[in-house]
Amino acid sequence: MSASALPPVPKPYLSANELAAVTPWTVEAIKKKVQRGELRRGVHYFQERQGERLIFKWAAIVELIESGTVQNGTAPADGSESDRAEVIAIEEATKRLRRLLG
């Protein structure tokens, strides 16, 4: 595949709305992942000051998804895999990514 045929890469940092557009997760699911500690502050997201919006690091999100630790909406505390792993809808994520990048 030539470099021109590769899909564009999103910005390195995304809002929750932008992240929802390029992953199978809704904004609400992203918020729940933050609340449950599946997405960790300083690793998967950042926040300049208390109460300000969250900024998600795309590379860390990709690593989390590709590591197989996202399971049924949760990441196991021990990092183990199970056969209940969440299936990522690649075509849907690609479609959302293209829509976001326009």
Protein backbone atom coordinates (compact mmCIF):
# COMPACT_ATOMS: atom_id res chain seq x y z
CA MET A 1 0.00 0.00 0.00
CA SER A 2 1.48 3.37 -0.94
CA ALA A 3 1.83 6.16 1.60
CA SER A 4 -0.86 8.14 -0.24
CA ALA A 5 -3.33 5.25 0.18
CA LEU A 6 -2.95 5.15 3.97
CA PRO A 7 -5.79 6.71 5.94
CA PRO A 8 -4.91 10.02 7.60
CA VAL A 9 -3.80 9.91 11.22
CA PRO A 10 -5.83 11.98 13.69
CA LYS A 11 -4.32 14.80 15.69
CA PRO A 12 -2.11 13.64 18.58
CA TYR A 13 -4.61 15.00 21.12
CA LEU A 14 -8.40 14.74 20.82
CA SER A 15 -11.48 15.92 22.68
CA ALA A 16 -14.00 13.32 23.88
CA ASN A 17 -16.22 14.14 20.88
CA GLU A 18 -13.33 13.68 18.44
CA LEU A 19 -12.29 10.44 20.16
CA ALA A 20 -15.85 9.11 19.90
CA ALA A 21 -15.78 9.89 16.17
CA VAL A 22 -12.74 7.69 15.55
CA THR A 23 -13.37 4.80 17.95
CA PRO A 24 -16.31 2.47 18.52
CA TRP A 25 -16.97 4.28 21.84
CA THR A 26 -19.60 6.92 22.50
CA VAL A 27 -18.81 10.05 24.50
CA GLU A 28 -20.75 8.52 27.40
CA ALA A 29 -18.71 5.30 27.20
CA ILE A 30 -15.50 7.35 27.23
CA LYS A 31 -16.67 9.20 30.35
CA LYS A 32 -17.43 5.87 32.04
CA LYS A 33 -14.00 4.51 31.10
CA VAL A 34 -12.43 7.56 32.77
CA GLN A 35 -14.60 7.16 35.89
CA ARG A 36 -13.74 3.45 36.18
CA GLY A 37 -10.03 4.14 35.72
CA GLU A 38 -9.75 2.25 32.43
CA LEU A 39 -8.43 5.43 30.84
CA ARG A 40 -5.77 6.80 33.16
CA ARG A 41 -4.92 10.44 33.74
CA GLY A 42 -1.40 11.23 32.59
CA VAL A 43 -1.40 8.20 30.28
CA HIS A 44 -4.58 8.20 28.18
CA TYR A 45 -5.80 11.72 28.93
CA PHE A 46 -4.70 15.03 30.36
CA GLN A 47 -6.44 17.94 32.04
CA GLU A 48 -4.77 21.33 32.50
CA ARG A 49 -6.79 22.40 35.53
CA GLN A 50 -9.43 20.79 37.69
CA GLY A 51 -12.83 20.98 36.01
CA GLU A 52 -11.52 21.67 32.50
CA ARG A 53 -12.26 19.37 29.59
CA LEU A 54 -10.25 16.21 29.12
CA ILE A 55 -7.78 15.91 26.26
CA PHE A 56 -7.11 12.35 25.07
CA LYS A 57 -3.75 11.18 23.72
CA TRP A 58 -4.43 9.28 20.49
CA ALA A 59 -1.23 7.16 20.58
CA ALA A 60 -2.06 5.90 24.10
CA ILE A 61 -5.65 5.10 23.10
CA VAL A 62 -4.43 3.13 20.06
CA GLU A 63 -1.96 1.25 22.25
CA LEU A 64 -4.73 0.40 24.73
CA ILE A 65 -7.05 -0.87 21.99
CA GLU A 66 -4.35 -2.83 20.17
CA SER A 67 -2.98 -4.39 23.37
CA GLY A 68 -6.24 -6.31 23.77
CA THR A 69 -6.78 -5.06 27.32
CA VAL A 70 -10.09 -3.40 26.49
CA GLN A 71 -12.63 -6.05 27.46
CA ASN A 72 -16.40 -5.76 27.49
CA GLY A 73 -15.95 -2.06 28.08
CA THR A 74 -13.38 -2.61 30.82
CA ALA A 75 -9.66 -3.12 31.03
CA PRO A 76 -8.66 -5.90 33.43
CA ALA A 77 -6.59 -4.73 36.39
CA ASP A 78 -4.00 -7.47 35.85
CA GLY A 79 -3.62 -6.80 32.11
CA SER A 80 -4.68 -10.36 31.27
CA GLU A 81 -6.67 -11.21 28.18
CA SER A 82 -9.89 -13.16 28.05
CA ASP A 83 -12.11 -14.53 25.34
CA ARG A 84 -14.66 -11.83 26.17
CA ALA A 85 -12.48 -9.20 24.47
CA GLU A 86 -14.38 -6.33 22.90
CA VAL A 87 -14.46 -6.52 19.12
CA ILE A 88 -13.35 -3.31 17.45
CA ALA A 89 -15.41 -2.37 14.40
CA ILE A 90 -12.56 -1.41 12.07
CA GLU A 91 -14.76 -0.27 9.21
CA GLU A 92 -16.87 1.90 11.50
CA ALA A 93 -13.78 3.43 13.13
CA THR A 94 -12.26 4.13 9.70
CA LYS A 95 -15.50 5.73 8.51
CA ARG A 96 -15.64 7.94 11.61
CA LEU A 97 -11.97 8.87 11.24
CA ARG A 98 -12.44 9.91 7.63
CA ARG A 99 -15.54 11.94 8.56
CA LEU A 100 -13.60 13.68 11.35
CA LEU A 101 -10.65 14.51 9.15
CA GLY A 102 -12.92 15.57 6.42
